[in-house]
Amino acid sequence: MFVTTADPVLEPPILTVNTVLSLLAVDYPAEKLACYVSDDGASPLTFYSLVEASKFAKLWVTFCKKYGVHVRAPFRYFSGEPISSQDTVPEFLQEWTRMK
């Protein structure tokens, strides 16, 4: 999967990060999934945003798979109340709060 970006002003890094995180969290075998990011603007802001996103992805992907999260973009998922088939389980609520 390819994600392209060119201008951090017109395409804020948070949108690029959410796109990448969504792609990494899809329900697909990890060994068959690759995500490439092309930043034609060579923005340091986009680069450092993606470095931090890679750290968060380790937590986010595990969370999505564990709780069956279907809305895989963190920005969208955390814009409301907890959404999961297990949203009343205390362990889920603790992890949801920690992730947010």
PDB file of N, CA and C in Angstrom:
ATOM      1  N   MET A   1       0.845  -1.158   0.000  1.00  0.00           N
ATOM      2  CA  MET A   1       0.000   0.000   0.000  1.00  0.00           C
ATOM      3  C   MET A   1       0.899   1.231   0.000  1.00  0.00           C
ATOM      4  N   PHE A   2       0.494   2.222  -0.754  1.00  0.00           N
ATOM      5  CA  PHE A   2       1.283   3.429  -0.876  1.00  0.00           C
ATOM      6  C   PHE A   2       0.502   4.620  -0.322  1.00  0.00           C
ATOM      7  N   VAL A   3       1.199   5.456   0.424  1.00  0.00           N
ATOM      8  CA  VAL A   3       0.637   6.700   0.929  1.00  0.00           C
ATOM      9  C   VAL A   3       1.558   7.804   0.427  1.00  0.00           C
ATOM     10  N   THR A   4       0.986   8.773  -0.256  1.00  0.00           N
ATOM     11  CA  THR A   4       1.804   9.864  -0.787  1.00  0.00           C
ATOM     12  C   THR A   4       1.411  11.174  -0.127  1.00  0.00           C
ATOM     13  N   THR A   5       2.398  12.022   0.023  1.00  0.00           N
ATOM     14  CA  THR A   5       2.171  13.357   0.557  1.00  0.00           C
ATOM     15  C   THR A   5       3.209  14.284  -0.056  1.00  0.00           C
ATOM     16  N   ALA A   6       2.893  15.555  -0.132  1.00  0.00           N
ATOM     17  CA  ALA A   6       3.831  16.494  -0.753  1.00  0.00           C
ATOM     18  C   ALA A   6       3.987  17.777   0.048  1.00  0.00           C
ATOM     19  N   ASP A   7       2.922  18.248   0.639  1.00  0.00           N
ATOM     20  CA  ASP A   7       2.962  19.547   1.305  1.00  0.00           C
ATOM     21  C   ASP A   7       2.341  19.424   2.691  1.00  0.00           C
ATOM     22  N   PRO A   8       3.142  19.603   3.756  1.00  0.00           N
ATOM     23  CA  PRO A   8       2.597  19.453   5.107  1.00  0.00           C
ATOM     24  C   PRO A   8       1.565  20.516   5.486  1.00  0.00           C
ATOM     25  N   VAL A   9       1.487  21.581   4.721  1.00  0.00           N
ATOM     26  CA  VAL A   9       0.474  22.608   4.999  1.00  0.00           C
ATOM     27  C   VAL A   9      -0.866  22.181   4.403  1.00  0.00           C
ATOM     28  N   LEU A  10      -0.840  21.717   3.157  1.00  0.00           N
ATOM     29  CA  LEU A  10      -2.074  21.280   2.497  1.00  0.00           C
ATOM     30  C   LEU A  10      -2.510  19.893   2.958  1.00  0.00           C
ATOM     31  N   GLU A  11      -1.546  19.064   3.336  1.00  0.00           N
ATOM     32  CA  GLU A  11      -1.812  17.704   3.817  1.00  0.00           C
ATOM     33  C   GLU A  11      -1.160  17.558   5.192  1.00  0.00           C
ATOM     34  N   PRO A  12      -1.847  17.988   6.232  1.00  0.00           N
ATOM     35  CA  PRO A  12      -1.244  17.949   7.568  1.00  0.00           C
ATOM     36  C   PRO A  12      -0.751  16.547   7.933  1.00  0.00           C
ATOM     37  N   PRO A  13       0.397  16.463   8.583  1.00  0.00           N
ATOM     38  CA  PRO A  13       0.957  15.169   8.960  1.00  0.00           C
ATOM     39  C   PRO A  13      -0.002  14.283   9.754  1.00  0.00           C
ATOM     40  N   ILE A  14      -0.907  14.879  10.516  1.00  0.00           N
ATOM     41  CA  ILE A  14      -1.852  14.060  11.288  1.00  0.00           C
ATOM     42  C   ILE A  14      -2.740  13.231  10.359  1.00  0.00           C
ATOM     43  N   LEU A  15      -3.065  13.759   9.192  1.00  0.00           N
ATOM     44  CA  LEU A  15      -3.863  12.994   8.226  1.00  0.00           C
ATOM     45  C   LEU A  15      -3.046  11.853   7.634  1.00  0.00           C
ATOM     46  N   THR A  16      -1.790  12.133   7.331  1.00  0.00           N
ATOM     47  CA  THR A  16      -0.915  11.085   6.811  1.00  0.00           C
ATOM     48  C   THR A  16      -0.715   9.992   7.850  1.00  0.00           C
ATOM     49  N   VAL A  17      -0.484  10.386   9.083  1.00  0.00           N
ATOM     50  CA  VAL A  17      -0.286   9.431  10.178  1.00  0.00           C
ATOM     51  C   VAL A  17      -1.535   8.569  10.363  1.00  0.00           C
ATOM     52  N   ASN A  18      -2.702   9.173  10.380  1.00  0.00           N
ATOM     53  CA  ASN A  18      -3.941   8.404  10.534  1.00  0.00           C
ATOM     54  C   ASN A  18      -4.152   7.434   9.378  1.00  0.00           C
ATOM     55  N   THR A  19      -3.784   7.836   8.179  1.00  0.00           N
ATOM     56  CA  THR A  19      -3.900   6.942   7.024  1.00  0.00           C
ATOM     57  C   THR A  19      -2.984   5.744   7.192  1.00  0.00           C
ATOM     58  N   VAL A  20      -1.739   5.990   7.571  1.00  0.00           N
ATOM     59  CA  VAL A  20      -0.774   4.903   7.754  1.00  0.00           C
ATOM     60  C   VAL A  20      -1.224   3.970   8.877  1.00  0.00           C
ATOM     61  N   LEU A  21      -1.646   4.531   9.998  1.00  0.00           N
ATOM     62  CA  LEU A  21      -2.103   3.694  11.113  1.00  0.00           C
ATOM     63  C   LEU A  21      -3.320   2.862  10.730  1.00  0.00           C
ATOM     64  N   SER A  22      -4.213   3.430   9.948  1.00  0.00           N
ATOM     65  CA  SER A  22      -5.388   2.686   9.484  1.00  0.00           C
ATOM     66  C   SER A  22      -4.976   1.510   8.615  1.00  0.00           C
ATOM     67  N   LEU A  23      -4.018   1.743   7.740  1.00  0.00           N
ATOM     68  CA  LEU A  23      -3.558   0.674   6.863  1.00  0.00           C
ATOM     69  C   LEU A  23      -2.855  -0.433   7.638  1.00  0.00           C
ATOM     70  N   LEU A  24      -2.069  -0.056   8.632  1.00  0.00           N
ATOM     71  CA  LEU A  24      -1.347  -1.055   9.415  1.00  0.00           C
ATOM     72  C   LEU A  24      -2.276  -1.891  10.290  1.00  0.00           C
ATOM     73  N   ALA A  25      -3.430  -1.350  10.617  1.00  0.00           N
ATOM     74  CA  ALA A  25      -4.357  -2.045  11.513  1.00  0.00           C
ATOM     75  C   ALA A  25      -5.405  -2.885  10.780  1.00  0.00           C
ATOM     76  N   VAL A  26      -5.329  -2.947   9.450  1.00  0.00           N
ATOM     77  CA  VAL A  26      -6.317  -3.748   8.727  1.00  0.00           C
ATOM     78  C   VAL A  26      -6.189  -5.212   9.104  1.00  0.00           C
ATOM     79  N   ASP A  27      -7.283  -5.925   8.956  1.00  0.00           N
ATOM     80  CA  ASP A  27      -7.306  -7.345   9.285  1.00  0.00           C
ATOM     81  C   ASP A  27      -6.752  -8.118   8.089  1.00  0.00           C
ATOM     82  N   TYR A  28      -5.444  -8.209   8.038  1.00  0.00           N
ATOM     83  CA  TYR A  28      -4.747  -8.842   6.929  1.00  0.00           C
ATOM     84  C   TYR A  28      -3.444  -9.413   7.475  1.00  0.00           C
ATOM     85  N   PRO A  29      -2.973 -10.532   6.984  1.00  0.00           N
ATOM     86  CA  PRO A  29      -1.731 -11.114   7.507  1.00  0.00           C
ATOM     87  C   PRO A  29      -0.557 -10.127   7.420  1.00  0.00           C
ATOM     88  N   ALA A  30       0.095  -9.887   8.531  1.00  0.00           N
ATOM     89  CA  ALA A  30       1.177  -8.901   8.604  1.00  0.00           C
ATOM     90  C   ALA A  30       2.313  -9.206   7.628  1.00  0.00           C
ATOM     91  N   GLU A  31       2.605 -10.485   7.412  1.00  0.00           N
ATOM     92  CA  GLU A  31       3.710 -10.836   6.513  1.00  0.00           C
ATOM     93  C   GLU A  31       3.395 -10.543   5.051  1.00  0.00           C
ATOM     94  N   LYS A  32       2.136 -10.268   4.742  1.00  0.00           N
ATOM     95  CA  LYS A  32       1.737  -9.949   3.372  1.00  0.00           C
ATOM     96  C   LYS A  32       1.410  -8.467   3.202  1.00  0.00           C
ATOM     97  N   LEU A  33       1.674  -7.678   4.225  1.00  0.00           N
ATOM     98  CA  LEU A  33       1.306  -6.262   4.211  1.00  0.00           C
ATOM     99  C   LEU A  33       2.559  -5.394   4.245  1.00  0.00           C
ATOM    100  N   ALA A  34       2.610  -4.435   3.379  1.00  0.00           N
ATOM    101  CA  ALA A  34       3.690  -3.450   3.376  1.00  0.00           C
ATOM    102  C   ALA A  34       3.073  -2.082   3.137  1.00  0.00           C
ATOM    103  N   CYS A  35       3.574  -1.100   3.838  1.00  0.00           N
ATOM    104  CA  CYS A  35       3.069   0.262   3.686  1.00  0.00           C
ATOM    105  C   CYS A  35       4.253   1.162   3.363  1.00  0.00           C
ATOM    106  N   TYR A  36       4.193   1.826   2.227  1.00  0.00           N
ATOM    107  CA  TYR A  36       5.252   2.721   1.797  1.00  0.00           C
ATOM    108  C   TYR A  36       4.726   4.147   1.815  1.00  0.00           C
ATOM    109  N   VAL A  37       5.534   5.054   2.347  1.00  0.00           N
ATOM    110  CA  VAL A  37       5.146   6.460   2.389  1.00  0.00           C
ATOM    111  C   VAL A  37       6.107   7.241   1.505  1.00  0.00           C
ATOM    112  N   SER A  38       5.552   8.005   0.596  1.00  0.00           N
ATOM    113  CA  SER A  38       6.342   8.850  -0.290  1.00  0.00           C
ATOM    114  C   SER A  38       6.059  10.302   0.083  1.00  0.00           C
ATOM    115  N   ASP A  39       7.071  10.987   0.572  1.00  0.00           N
ATOM    116  CA  ASP A  39       6.921  12.392   0.949  1.00  0.00           C
ATOM    117  C   ASP A  39       7.717  13.238  -0.031  1.00  0.00           C
ATOM    118  N   ASP A  40       7.061  13.688  -1.084  1.00  0.00           N
ATOM    119  CA  ASP A  40       7.735  14.466  -2.118  1.00  0.00           C
ATOM    120  C   ASP A  40       8.209  15.827  -1.620  1.00  0.00           C
ATOM    121  N   GLY A  41       7.632  16.291  -0.522  1.00  0.00           N
ATOM    122  CA  GLY A  41       8.046  17.573   0.035  1.00  0.00           C
ATOM    123  C   GLY A  41       9.210  17.451   1.001  1.00  0.00           C
ATOM    124  N   ALA A  42       9.596  16.222   1.344  1.00  0.00           N
ATOM    125  CA  ALA A  42      10.698  15.952   2.280  1.00  0.00           C
ATOM    126  C   ALA A  42      10.554  16.778   3.562  1.00  0.00           C
ATOM    127  N   SER A  43       9.368  16.788   4.100  1.00  0.00           N
ATOM    128  CA  SER A  43       9.085  17.586   5.284  1.00  0.00           C
ATOM    129  C   SER A  43       9.613  16.916   6.550  1.00  0.00           C
ATOM    130  N   PRO A  44      10.435  17.615   7.335  1.00  0.00           N
ATOM    131  CA  PRO A  44      10.892  17.061   8.611  1.00  0.00           C
ATOM    132  C   PRO A  44       9.721  16.804   9.562  1.00  0.00           C
ATOM    133  N   LEU A  45       8.705  17.645   9.495  1.00  0.00           N
ATOM    134  CA  LEU A  45       7.530  17.477  10.352  1.00  0.00           C
ATOM    135  C   LEU A  45       6.815  16.163  10.045  1.00  0.00           C
ATOM    136  N   THR A  46       6.639  15.869   8.775  1.00  0.00           N
ATOM    137  CA  THR A  46       6.003  14.607   8.382  1.00  0.00           C
ATOM    138  C   THR A  46       6.871  13.431   8.804  1.00  0.00           C
ATOM    139  N   PHE A  47       8.172  13.538   8.606  1.00  0.00           N
ATOM    140  CA  PHE A  47       9.082  12.462   8.986  1.00  0.00           C
ATOM    141  C   PHE A  47       8.994  12.165  10.486  1.00  0.00           C
ATOM    142  N   TYR A  48       9.111  13.180  11.315  1.00  0.00           N
ATOM    143  CA  TYR A  48       9.085  12.956  12.763  1.00  0.00           C
ATOM    144  C   TYR A  48       7.704  12.513  13.244  1.00  0.00           C
ATOM    145  N   SER A  49       6.670  12.957  12.563  1.00  0.00           N
ATOM    146  CA  SER A  49       5.320  12.489  12.896  1.00  0.00           C
ATOM    147  C   SER A  49       5.200  10.990  12.631  1.00  0.00           C
ATOM    148  N   LEU A  50       5.768  10.536  11.538  1.00  0.00           N
ATOM    149  CA  LEU A  50       5.726   9.113  11.209  1.00  0.00           C
ATOM    150  C   LEU A  50       6.613   8.278  12.128  1.00  0.00           C
ATOM    151  N   VAL A  51       7.714   8.850  12.599  1.00  0.00           N
ATOM    152  CA  VAL A  51       8.560   8.148  13.571  1.00  0.00           C
ATOM    153  C   VAL A  51       7.763   7.898  14.848  1.00  0.00           C
ATOM    154  N   GLU A  52       7.073   8.917  15.327  1.00  0.00           N
ATOM    155  CA  GLU A  52       6.252   8.758  16.532  1.00  0.00           C
ATOM    156  C   GLU A  52       5.073   7.820  16.276  1.00  0.00           C
ATOM    157  N   ALA A  53       4.511   7.892  15.083  1.00  0.00           N
ATOM    158  CA  ALA A  53       3.394   7.013  14.737  1.00  0.00           C
ATOM    159  C   ALA A  53       3.821   5.552  14.726  1.00  0.00           C
ATOM    160  N   SER A  54       5.046   5.292  14.329  1.00  0.00           N
ATOM    161  CA  SER A  54       5.515   3.905  14.319  1.00  0.00           C
ATOM    162  C   SER A  54       5.573   3.339  15.730  1.00  0.00           C
ATOM    163  N   LYS A  55       5.894   4.171  16.701  1.00  0.00           N
ATOM    164  CA  LYS A  55       5.887   3.728  18.106  1.00  0.00           C
ATOM    165  C   LYS A  55       4.456   3.456  18.569  1.00  0.00           C
ATOM    166  N   PHE A  56       3.549   4.359  18.222  1.00  0.00           N
ATOM    167  CA  PHE A  56       2.151   4.207  18.606  1.00  0.00           C
ATOM    168  C   PHE A  56       1.504   3.017  17.896  1.00  0.00           C
ATOM    169  N   ALA A  57       1.946   2.732  16.671  1.00  0.00           N
ATOM    170  CA  ALA A  57       1.355   1.642  15.881  1.00  0.00           C
ATOM    171  C   ALA A  57       1.471   0.303  16.588  1.00  0.00           C
ATOM    172  N   LYS A  58       2.547   0.097  17.317  1.00  0.00           N
ATOM    173  CA  LYS A  58       2.724  -1.169  18.038  1.00  0.00           C
ATOM    174  C   LYS A  58       1.605  -1.374  19.051  1.00  0.00           C
ATOM    175  N   LEU A  59       1.176  -0.300  19.678  1.00  0.00           N
ATOM    176  CA  LEU A  59       0.065  -0.371  20.638  1.00  0.00           C
ATOM    177  C   LEU A  59      -1.281  -0.409  19.922  1.00  0.00           C
ATOM    178  N   TRP A  60      -1.430   0.444  18.917  1.00  0.00           N
ATOM    179  CA  TRP A  60      -2.706   0.613  18.224  1.00  0.00           C
ATOM    180  C   TRP A  60      -3.145  -0.654  17.495  1.00  0.00           C
ATOM    181  N   VAL A  61      -2.227  -1.271  16.754  1.00  0.00           N
ATOM    182  CA  VAL A  61      -2.566  -2.469  15.988  1.00  0.00           C
ATOM    183  C   VAL A  61      -2.981  -3.596  16.930  1.00  0.00           C
ATOM    184  N   THR A  62      -2.254  -3.761  18.023  1.00  0.00           N
ATOM    185  CA  THR A  62      -2.598  -4.779  19.013  1.00  0.00           C
ATOM    186  C   THR A  62      -3.972  -4.509  19.616  1.00  0.00           C
ATOM    187  N   PHE A  63      -4.253  -3.261  19.940  1.00  0.00           N
ATOM    188  CA  PHE A  63      -5.542  -2.863  20.508  1.00  0.00           C
ATOM    189  C   PHE A  63      -6.676  -3.176  19.533  1.00  0.00           C
ATOM    190  N   CYS A  64      -6.496  -2.822  18.263  1.00  0.00           N
ATOM    191  CA  CYS A  64      -7.529  -3.062  17.240  1.00  0.00           C
ATOM    192  C   CYS A  64      -7.837  -4.541  17.098  1.00  0.00           C
ATOM    193  N   LYS A  65      -6.795  -5.352  17.059  1.00  0.00           N
ATOM    194  CA  LYS A  65      -7.001  -6.790  16.885  1.00  0.00           C
ATOM    195  C   LYS A  65      -7.607  -7.421  18.132  1.00  0.00           C
ATOM    196  N   LYS A  66      -7.175  -6.972  19.288  1.00  0.00           N
ATOM    197  CA  LYS A  66      -7.665  -7.554  20.538  1.00  0.00           C
ATOM    198  C   LYS A  66      -9.149  -7.277  20.747  1.00  0.00           C
ATOM    199  N   TYR A  67      -9.586  -6.066  20.408  1.00  0.00           N
ATOM    200  CA  TYR A  67     -10.972  -5.670  20.685  1.00  0.00           C
ATOM    201  C   TYR A  67     -11.845  -5.579  19.431  1.00  0.00           C
ATOM    202  N   GLY A  68     -11.347  -6.002  18.299  1.00  0.00           N
ATOM    203  CA  GLY A  68     -12.159  -6.001  17.090  1.00  0.00           C
ATOM    204  C   GLY A  68     -12.592  -4.617  16.653  1.00  0.00           C
ATOM    205  N   VAL A  69     -11.694  -3.660  16.746  1.00  0.00           N
ATOM    206  CA  VAL A  69     -12.001  -2.280  16.365  1.00  0.00           C
ATOM    207  C   VAL A  69     -12.134  -2.211  14.845  1.00  0.00           C
ATOM    208  N   HIS A  70     -13.249  -1.674  14.367  1.00  0.00           N
ATOM    209  CA  HIS A  70     -13.489  -1.574  12.931  1.00  0.00           C
ATOM    210  C   HIS A  70     -13.138  -0.196  12.389  1.00  0.00           C
ATOM    211  N   VAL A  71     -13.238   0.834  13.215  1.00  0.00           N
ATOM    212  CA  VAL A  71     -12.842   2.181  12.814  1.00  0.00           C
ATOM    213  C   VAL A  71     -11.355   2.279  13.136  1.00  0.00           C
ATOM    214  N   ARG A  72     -10.519   2.137  12.129  1.00  0.00           N
ATOM    215  CA  ARG A  72      -9.079   1.947  12.369  1.00  0.00           C
ATOM    216  C   ARG A  72      -8.263   3.235  12.398  1.00  0.00           C
ATOM    217  N   ALA A  73      -8.849   4.363  12.039  1.00  0.00           N
ATOM    218  CA  ALA A  73      -8.125   5.632  12.119  1.00  0.00           C
ATOM    219  C   ALA A  73      -8.258   6.165  13.544  1.00  0.00           C
ATOM    220  N   PRO A  74      -7.149   6.292  14.270  1.00  0.00           N
ATOM    221  CA  PRO A  74      -7.233   6.721  15.664  1.00  0.00           C
ATOM    222  C   PRO A  74      -7.982   8.040  15.856  1.00  0.00           C
ATOM    223  N   PHE A  75      -7.753   9.003  14.964  1.00  0.00           N
ATOM    224  CA  PHE A  75      -8.422  10.299  15.092  1.00  0.00           C
ATOM    225  C   PHE A  75      -9.936  10.134  15.083  1.00  0.00           C
ATOM    226  N   ARG A  76     -10.415   9.324  14.184  1.00  0.00           N
ATOM    227  CA  ARG A  76     -11.866   9.080  14.072  1.00  0.00           C
ATOM    228  C   ARG A  76     -12.374   8.236  15.237  1.00  0.00           C
ATOM    229  N   TYR A  77     -11.637   7.200  15.580  1.00  0.00           N
ATOM    230  CA  TYR A  77     -12.061   6.283  16.635  1.00  0.00           C
ATOM    231  C   TYR A  77     -12.173   6.992  17.984  1.00  0.00           C
ATOM    232  N   PHE A  78     -11.203   7.823  18.304  1.00  0.00           N
ATOM    233  CA  PHE A  78     -11.191   8.479  19.609  1.00  0.00           C
ATOM    234  C   PHE A  78     -11.986   9.783  19.652  1.00  0.00           C
ATOM    235  N   SER A  79     -12.655  10.136  18.566  1.00  0.00           N
ATOM    236  CA  SER A  79     -13.442  11.371  18.555  1.00  0.00           C
ATOM    237  C   SER A  79     -14.765  11.216  19.302  1.00  0.00           C
ATOM    238  N   GLY A  80     -15.125   9.992  19.668  1.00  0.00           N
ATOM    239  CA  GLY A  80     -16.375   9.761  20.386  1.00  0.00           C
ATOM    240  C   GLY A  80     -16.161   8.908  21.618  1.00  0.00           C
ATOM    241  N   GLU A  81     -17.203   8.251  22.013  1.00  0.00           N
ATOM    242  CA  GLU A  81     -17.163   7.351  23.170  1.00  0.00           C
ATOM    243  C   GLU A  81     -16.558   6.012  22.757  1.00  0.00           C
ATOM    244  N   PRO A  82     -16.142   5.206  23.727  1.00  0.00           N
ATOM    245  CA  PRO A  82     -15.591   3.884  23.400  1.00  0.00           C
ATOM    246  C   PRO A  82     -16.568   3.065  22.556  1.00  0.00           C
ATOM    247  N   ILE A  83     -16.035   2.464  21.496  1.00  0.00           N
ATOM    248  CA  ILE A  83     -16.851   1.642  20.606  1.00  0.00           C
ATOM    249  C   ILE A  83     -16.209   0.270  20.520  1.00  0.00           C
ATOM    250  N   SER A  84     -16.856  -0.714  21.063  1.00  0.00           N
ATOM    251  CA  SER A  84     -16.385  -2.087  20.981  1.00  0.00           C
ATOM    252  C   SER A  84     -17.491  -2.995  21.457  1.00  0.00           C
ATOM    253  N   SER A  85     -17.402  -4.243  21.066  1.00  0.00           N
ATOM    254  CA  SER A  85     -18.377  -5.208  21.561  1.00  0.00           C
ATOM    255  C   SER A  85     -18.141  -5.469  23.043  1.00  0.00           C
ATOM    256  N   GLN A  86     -16.984  -5.037  23.541  1.00  0.00           N
ATOM    257  CA  GLN A  86     -16.625  -5.261  24.934  1.00  0.00           C
ATOM    258  C   GLN A  86     -16.519  -3.941  25.699  1.00  0.00           C
ATOM    259  N   ASP A  87     -17.242  -2.907  25.257  1.00  0.00           N
ATOM    260  CA  ASP A  87     -17.040  -1.576  25.830  1.00  0.00           C
ATOM    261  C   ASP A  87     -17.470  -1.419  27.281  1.00  0.00           C
ATOM    262  N   THR A  88     -18.053  -2.431  27.886  1.00  0.00           N
ATOM    263  CA  THR A  88     -18.397  -2.344  29.304  1.00  0.00           C
ATOM    264  C   THR A  88     -17.413  -3.121  30.177  1.00  0.00           C
ATOM    265  N   VAL A  89     -16.472  -3.830  29.573  1.00  0.00           N
ATOM    266  CA  VAL A  89     -15.472  -4.584  30.316  1.00  0.00           C
ATOM    267  C   VAL A  89     -14.436  -3.599  30.864  1.00  0.00           C
ATOM    268  N   PRO A  90     -14.170  -3.657  32.176  1.00  0.00           N
ATOM    269  CA  PRO A  90     -13.214  -2.708  32.776  1.00  0.00           C
ATOM    270  C   PRO A  90     -11.832  -2.718  32.115  1.00  0.00           C
ATOM    271  N   GLU A  91     -11.347  -3.894  31.731  1.00  0.00           N
ATOM    272  CA  GLU A  91     -10.028  -3.968  31.087  1.00  0.00           C
ATOM    273  C   GLU A  91     -10.018  -3.166  29.787  1.00  0.00           C
ATOM    274  N   PHE A  92     -11.107  -3.281  28.998  1.00  0.00           N
ATOM    275  CA  PHE A  92     -11.206  -2.517  27.756  1.00  0.00           C
ATOM    276  C   PHE A  92     -11.206  -1.020  28.039  1.00  0.00           C
ATOM    277  N   LEU A  93     -11.997  -0.593  29.005  1.00  0.00           N
ATOM    278  CA  LEU A  93     -12.085   0.836  29.316  1.00  0.00           C
ATOM    279  C   LEU A  93     -10.740   1.393  29.777  1.00  0.00           C
ATOM    280  N   GLN A  94      -9.988   0.610  30.533  1.00  0.00           N
ATOM    281  CA  GLN A  94      -8.654   1.050  30.970  1.00  0.00           C
ATOM    282  C   GLN A  94      -7.720   1.201  29.774  1.00  0.00           C
ATOM    283  N   GLU A  95      -7.714   0.211  28.893  1.00  0.00           N
ATOM    284  CA  GLU A  95      -6.843   0.282  27.721  1.00  0.00           C
ATOM    285  C   GLU A  95      -7.268   1.406  26.770  1.00  0.00           C
ATOM    286  N   TRP A  96      -8.584   1.583  26.628  1.00  0.00           N
ATOM    287  CA  TRP A  96      -9.105   2.644  25.770  1.00  0.00           C
ATOM    288  C   TRP A  96      -8.629   4.003  26.264  1.00  0.00           C
ATOM    289  N   THR A  97      -8.716   4.200  27.575  1.00  0.00           N
ATOM    290  CA  THR A  97      -8.284   5.461  28.179  1.00  0.00           C
ATOM    291  C   THR A  97      -6.782   5.655  28.012  1.00  0.00           C
ATOM    292  N   ARG A  98      -6.021   4.590  28.205  1.00  0.00           N
ATOM    293  CA  ARG A  98      -4.569   4.667  28.058  1.00  0.00           C
ATOM    294  C   ARG A  98      -4.174   4.989  26.605  1.00  0.00           C
ATOM    295  N   MET A  99      -4.885   4.395  25.663  1.00  0.00           N
ATOM    296  CA  MET A  99      -4.585   4.632  24.256  1.00  0.00           C
ATOM    297  C   MET A  99      -4.911   6.057  23.842  1.00  0.00           C
ATOM    298  N   LYS A 100      -6.002   6.563  24.365  1.00  0.00           N
ATOM    299  CA  LYS A 100      -6.459   7.901  23.994  1.00  0.00           C
ATOM    300  C   LYS A 100      -5.496   8.928  24.537  1.00  0.00           C
TER     301      LYS A 100
END
